[in-house]
Amino acid sequence: MIRVFDLVFSLLGLVLGFPVLLAIYVIGLFDTGSPLFRQVRVGRHQQPFTLVKFRTMTVDTASVASHLASTASITKLGAFLRRTKLDELPQLWNVFKGEMSFVGPRPGLFNQEELTEERGKRGVFNARPGITGLAQVNEIDMSTPALLAHTDQEMLSSLTLADYFKYIFMTVAGKGSGDRVR
């Protein structure tokens, strides 16, 4: 049932949000010259997939987890996109393709070995990664891998349709600040 909602809402978001996506893309061309950010992430069953977001950091920023990146790398447009969570909009494409869900564990990087190991032990990779979830609305990020994996497991073991909509609403309403940048 959740996959049906993911499919319908991501398609609606892509179609209705196209003017916003296009505007951010064009502004991003002037900001960094490369408005889309693509990064290989750990997906369902630990399969790689390419996550797409709007770029919020300079093009030459190292490809590391956000909490390991420098705040000096964030552009002015990027700061706005992060604060409003508009940088996440291109992930509607990942949701539409079935690589992600709106709600699930945030996909980590393959070099985040401790997080990958903790999630593997807890069965977290049996679910599609998500744009938001329990950890995100509680400001638990990838800098605390054991806590994050535990929270992901907790969310997945009790996720209901009501929770699905609650986490989406809380994220849209501004709960959670996203991954920290040092």
Protein backbone atom coordinates (compact mmCIF):
# COMPACT_ATOMS: atom_id res chain seq x y z
CA MET A 1 0.00 0.00 0.00
CA ILE A 2 2.83 2.42 0.87
CA ARG A 3 4.42 1.83 -2.55
CA VAL A 4 1.14 2.92 -4.19
CA PHE A 5 1.20 6.18 -2.21
CA ASP A 6 4.89 6.65 -3.07
CA LEU A 7 4.14 6.19 -6.77
CA VAL A 8 1.09 8.47 -6.88
CA PHE A 9 2.57 11.25 -4.72
CA SER A 10 5.97 11.23 -6.46
CA LEU A 11 4.30 11.45 -9.88
CA LEU A 12 2.04 14.28 -8.68
CA GLY A 13 5.04 16.01 -7.11
CA LEU A 14 7.09 15.75 -10.30
CA VAL A 15 4.25 17.01 -12.50
CA LEU A 16 2.86 19.74 -10.25
CA GLY A 17 6.27 20.70 -8.88
CA PHE A 18 7.88 20.93 -12.32
CA PRO A 19 7.87 24.78 -12.36
CA VAL A 20 9.60 24.87 -8.95
CA LEU A 21 12.08 22.16 -9.97
CA LEU A 22 12.86 24.06 -13.18
CA ALA A 23 13.26 27.41 -11.38
CA ILE A 24 15.66 25.93 -8.79
CA TYR A 25 17.58 24.18 -11.57
CA VAL A 26 18.02 27.43 -13.53
CA ILE A 27 19.01 29.42 -10.42
CA GLY A 28 21.40 26.59 -9.56
CA LEU A 29 23.10 27.00 -12.95
CA PHE A 30 24.08 30.52 -11.88
CA ASP A 31 24.98 29.42 -8.34
CA THR A 32 27.31 26.48 -9.04
CA GLY A 33 27.07 25.78 -12.78
CA SER A 34 25.97 22.24 -11.90
CA PRO A 35 22.62 22.35 -10.07
CA LEU A 36 22.08 18.61 -9.66
CA PHE A 37 24.07 16.50 -7.24
CA ARG A 38 24.27 12.76 -7.85
CA GLN A 39 25.80 10.34 -5.38
CA VAL A 40 25.83 6.55 -5.20
CA ARG A 41 24.13 5.43 -1.99
CA VAL A 42 23.35 2.15 -0.23
CA GLY A 43 19.82 1.09 -1.16
CA ARG A 44 17.42 -1.70 -0.39
CA HIS A 45 19.20 -5.05 0.13
CA GLN A 46 22.47 -3.03 0.09
CA GLN A 47 22.19 -2.48 -3.66
CA PRO A 48 23.73 0.73 -5.01
CA PHE A 49 21.55 3.43 -6.52
CA THR A 50 22.20 7.01 -7.58
CA LEU A 51 20.50 9.53 -5.32
CA VAL A 52 19.65 12.87 -6.94
CA LYS A 53 19.40 16.17 -5.04
CA PHE A 54 19.85 19.83 -5.78
CA ARG A 55 23.45 20.82 -5.17
CA THR A 56 23.91 22.79 -1.96
CA MET A 57 27.71 22.82 -1.81
CA THR A 58 30.41 23.93 -4.21
CA VAL A 59 31.22 21.51 -7.03
CA ASP A 60 34.70 20.72 -5.65
CA THR A 61 33.41 19.58 -2.22
CA ALA A 62 34.58 16.08 -1.30
CA SER A 63 31.92 13.37 -1.59
CA VAL A 64 31.49 12.61 2.11
CA ALA A 65 28.64 12.42 4.60
CA SER A 66 27.24 15.87 5.39
CA HIS A 67 28.48 15.84 8.99
CA LEU A 68 32.04 15.49 7.65
CA ALA A 69 31.75 18.38 5.17
CA SER A 70 32.65 21.99 5.96
CA THR A 71 29.99 24.69 6.27
CA ALA A 72 32.29 26.87 4.14
CA SER A 73 31.34 24.65 1.19
CA ILE A 74 27.63 25.54 1.38
CA THR A 75 26.55 28.13 -1.17
CA LYS A 76 24.02 30.90 -0.42
CA LEU A 77 21.40 29.14 -2.53
CA GLY A 78 22.42 25.86 -0.89
CA ALA A 79 21.79 27.26 2.59
CA PHE A 80 18.29 28.28 1.54
CA LEU A 81 17.60 24.93 -0.13
CA ARG A 82 18.78 23.03 2.96
CA ARG A 83 16.79 25.20 5.37
CA THR A 84 13.59 24.76 3.32
CA LYS A 85 14.42 21.11 2.41
CA LEU A 86 13.88 21.99 -1.27
CA ASP A 87 17.22 20.32 -2.03
CA GLU A 88 15.41 17.00 -1.55
CA LEU A 89 12.84 17.58 -4.35
CA PRO A 90 14.75 15.72 -7.09
CA GLN A 91 14.50 12.59 -4.94
CA LEU A 92 10.89 12.41 -6.11
CA TRP A 93 12.45 10.77 -9.17
CA ASN A 94 14.17 8.16 -6.96
CA VAL A 95 10.83 7.49 -5.25
CA PHE A 96 8.99 7.24 -8.56
CA LYS A 97 11.55 4.73 -9.86
CA GLY A 98 11.13 2.60 -6.72
CA GLU A 99 14.67 3.12 -5.42
CA MET A 100 13.36 5.08 -2.44
CA SER A 101 10.20 5.71 -0.46
CA PHE A 102 9.01 8.97 1.05
CA VAL A 103 9.48 7.37 4.48
CA GLY A 104 12.35 5.06 5.37
CA PRO A 105 15.93 5.12 6.62
CA ARG A 106 18.02 7.85 4.95
CA PRO A 107 20.39 6.14 2.51
CA GLY A 108 24.01 6.17 3.61
CA LEU A 109 27.22 6.10 1.64
CA PHE A 110 29.15 2.90 1.05
CA ASN A 111 32.15 4.33 2.94
CA GLN A 112 30.02 4.72 6.09
CA GLU A 113 31.02 1.23 7.16
CA GLU A 114 29.89 1.46 10.79
CA LEU A 115 26.41 2.63 9.75
CA THR A 116 26.15 -0.05 7.05
CA GLU A 117 27.20 -2.75 9.53
CA GLU A 118 24.76 -1.56 12.22
CA ARG A 119 21.89 -1.39 9.73
CA GLY A 120 22.77 -4.82 8.35
CA LYS A 121 22.59 -6.36 11.83
CA ARG A 122 19.18 -4.79 12.38
CA GLY A 123 17.55 -5.74 9.07
CA VAL A 124 17.18 -2.11 8.01
CA PHE A 125 18.21 -2.89 4.42
CA ASN A 126 15.06 -4.95 3.90
CA ALA A 127 13.21 -1.66 3.39
CA ARG A 128 13.56 1.01 0.73
CA PRO A 129 15.55 4.00 1.95
CA GLY A 130 13.50 7.14 2.44
CA ILE A 131 13.55 10.89 2.11
CA THR A 132 12.47 11.22 5.74
CA GLY A 133 11.68 9.12 8.76
CA LEU A 134 11.67 8.89 12.53
CA ALA A 135 15.39 9.67 12.86
CA GLN A 136 15.16 12.75 10.66
CA VAL A 137 12.21 14.33 12.48
CA ASN A 138 14.11 13.72 15.75
CA GLU A 139 17.33 15.25 14.38
CA ILE A 140 19.32 12.00 14.60
CA ASP A 141 21.81 12.03 11.76
CA MET A 142 24.58 9.88 10.34
CA SER A 143 27.14 11.17 12.85
CA THR A 144 25.71 8.69 15.39
CA PRO A 145 25.57 5.43 13.39
CA ALA A 146 24.46 3.04 16.16
CA LEU A 147 21.68 5.36 17.35
CA LEU A 148 20.58 6.03 13.78
CA ALA A 149 20.45 2.31 12.91
CA HIS A 150 18.52 1.56 16.11
CA THR A 151 16.03 4.35 15.37
CA ASP A 152 15.61 3.13 11.79
CA GLN A 153 14.94 -0.40 13.06
CA GLU A 154 12.43 0.92 15.59
CA MET A 155 10.61 2.91 12.90
CA LEU A 156 10.48 0.03 10.43
CA SER A 157 9.24 -2.48 13.00
CA SER A 158 6.17 -0.39 13.78
CA LEU A 159 5.59 1.72 10.64
CA THR A 160 1.91 2.25 9.90
CA LEU A 161 0.19 4.24 7.19
CA ALA A 162 -0.60 6.89 9.82
CA ASP A 163 3.12 7.10 10.72
CA TYR A 164 4.00 7.40 7.02
CA PHE A 165 1.84 10.51 6.70
CA LYS A 166 2.91 11.84 10.11
CA TYR A 167 6.63 11.78 9.23
CA ILE A 168 5.97 13.42 5.87
CA PHE A 169 3.84 16.13 7.48
CA MET A 170 6.39 16.73 10.25
CA THR A 171 9.16 17.09 7.66
CA VAL A 172 7.17 19.50 5.48
CA ALA A 173 6.23 21.48 8.60
CA GLY A 174 9.94 21.93 9.39
CA LYS A 175 10.56 19.33 12.10
CA GLY A 176 14.16 18.16 11.98
CA SER A 177 17.03 20.14 10.58
CA GLY A 178 18.64 17.60 8.29
CA ASP A 179 22.16 16.28 8.49
CA ARG A 180 24.62 18.46 10.35
CA VAL A 181 27.47 20.12 8.54
CA ARG A 182 30.48 21.10 10.63
